[in-house]
C-alpha atoms as a PDB file:
ATOM      1  CA  MET A   1     113.461 108.694 105.339  1.00  0.00           C
ATOM      2  CA  ALA A   2     115.311 107.103 102.590  1.00  0.00           C
ATOM      3  CA  HIS A   3     115.301 103.672 100.439  1.00  0.00           C
ATOM      4  CA  LYS A   4     118.383 101.775 101.535  1.00  0.00           C
ATOM      5  CA  ILE A   5     120.593  99.534  99.832  1.00  0.00           C
ATOM      6  CA  VAL A   6     121.190  96.006 102.007  1.00  0.00           C
ATOM      7  CA  GLU A   7     124.157  93.714 101.742  1.00  0.00           C
ATOM      8  CA  GLU A   8     122.349  91.642  99.158  1.00  0.00           C
ATOM      9  CA  CYS A   9     123.124  93.923  96.249  1.00  0.00           C
ATOM     10  CA  ILE A  10     124.983  92.672  93.581  1.00  0.00           C
ATOM     11  CA  ALA A  11     126.212  95.889  92.377  1.00  0.00           C
ATOM     12  CA  CYS A  12     124.601  95.054  88.953  1.00  0.00           C
ATOM     13  CA  GLY A  13     123.658  98.744  88.548  1.00  0.00           C
ATOM     14  CA  ALA A  14     120.039  98.496  87.378  1.00  0.00           C
ATOM     15  CA  CYS A  15     118.688 100.723  89.977  1.00  0.00           C
ATOM     16  CA  ALA A  16     121.382 103.606  89.232  1.00  0.00           C
ATOM     17  CA  SER A  17     120.020 103.711  85.743  1.00  0.00           C
ATOM     18  CA  GLU A  18     116.584 103.960  86.805  1.00  0.00           C
ATOM     19  CA  CYS A  19     116.967 106.822  89.395  1.00  0.00           C
ATOM     20  CA  PRO A  20     114.912 109.812  88.117  1.00  0.00           C
ATOM     21  CA  VAL A  21     117.088 112.203  90.947  1.00  0.00           C
ATOM     22  CA  GLU A  22     120.520 110.702  90.538  1.00  0.00           C
ATOM     23  CA  ALA A  23     120.338 109.709  94.197  1.00  0.00           C
ATOM     24  CA  ILE A  24     122.128 106.325  93.755  1.00  0.00           C
ATOM     25  CA  SER A  25     125.764 106.012  93.355  1.00  0.00           C
ATOM     26  CA  GLU A  26     128.563 103.048  92.911  1.00  0.00           C
ATOM     27  CA  GLY A  27     130.186 102.377  95.943  1.00  0.00           C
ATOM     28  CA  ASP A  28     132.260  99.755  97.750  1.00  0.00           C
ATOM     29  CA  PRO A  29     131.394  96.970  97.228  1.00  0.00           C
ATOM     30  CA  ILE A  30     127.475  97.859  96.960  1.00  0.00           C
ATOM     31  CA  TYR A  31     125.654 100.710  95.448  1.00  0.00           C
ATOM     32  CA  VAL A  32     124.201 103.230  97.797  1.00  0.00           C
ATOM     33  CA  ILE A  33     121.305 105.688  98.032  1.00  0.00           C
ATOM     34  CA  ASP A  34     121.879 109.500  99.139  1.00  0.00           C
ATOM     35  CA  PRO A  35     119.687 110.411 101.776  1.00  0.00           C
ATOM     36  CA  GLU A  36     119.649 113.688 100.739  1.00  0.00           C
ATOM     37  CA  LYS A  37     118.710 113.321  97.086  1.00  0.00           C
ATOM     38  CA  CYS A  38     116.436 110.509  97.506  1.00  0.00           C
ATOM     39  CA  THR A  39     112.510 111.228  96.845  1.00  0.00           C
ATOM     40  CA  ASP A  40     111.366 107.560  97.771  1.00  0.00           C
ATOM     41  CA  CYS A  41     109.755 106.961  94.648  1.00  0.00           C
ATOM     42  CA  GLY A  42     110.502 103.792  94.132  1.00  0.00           C
ATOM     43  CA  SER A  43     111.456 103.222  90.655  1.00  0.00           C
ATOM     44  CA  CYS A  44     114.730 101.614  91.955  1.00  0.00           C
ATOM     45  CA  VAL A  45     112.989  98.703  93.801  1.00  0.00           C
ATOM     46  CA  ALA A  46     110.741  97.487  90.457  1.00  0.00           C
ATOM     47  CA  VAL A  47     114.048  96.941  88.812  1.00  0.00           C
ATOM     48  CA  CYS A  48     116.447  95.340  91.332  1.00  0.00           C
ATOM     49  CA  PRO A  49     116.531  91.902  90.381  1.00  0.00           C
ATOM     50  CA  VAL A  50     117.457  90.839  93.884  1.00  0.00           C
ATOM     51  CA  GLU A  51     115.168  92.399  96.515  1.00  0.00           C
ATOM     52  CA  ALA A  52     118.057  94.395  97.649  1.00  0.00           C
ATOM     53  CA  ILE A  53     116.513  97.784  98.189  1.00  0.00           C
ATOM     54  CA  LYS A  54     114.062  98.143 101.020  1.00  0.00           C
ATOM     55  CA  ALA A  55     111.839 100.914 101.653  1.00  0.00           C
ATOM     56  CA  PRO A  56     111.844 103.359 104.428  1.00  0.00           C
END
């Protein structure tokens, strides 16, 4: 299971630039994680300023 970005996301983009497999993209209104690409590395979790990324 891939990580998931929840509604607390403030769309700052910090997570997208941190993802080594480019699984995160800008959605409307929040960023989204492509579950097919996500490797559950957790890099995005560490940089999210509002803790809006949840582990599976």
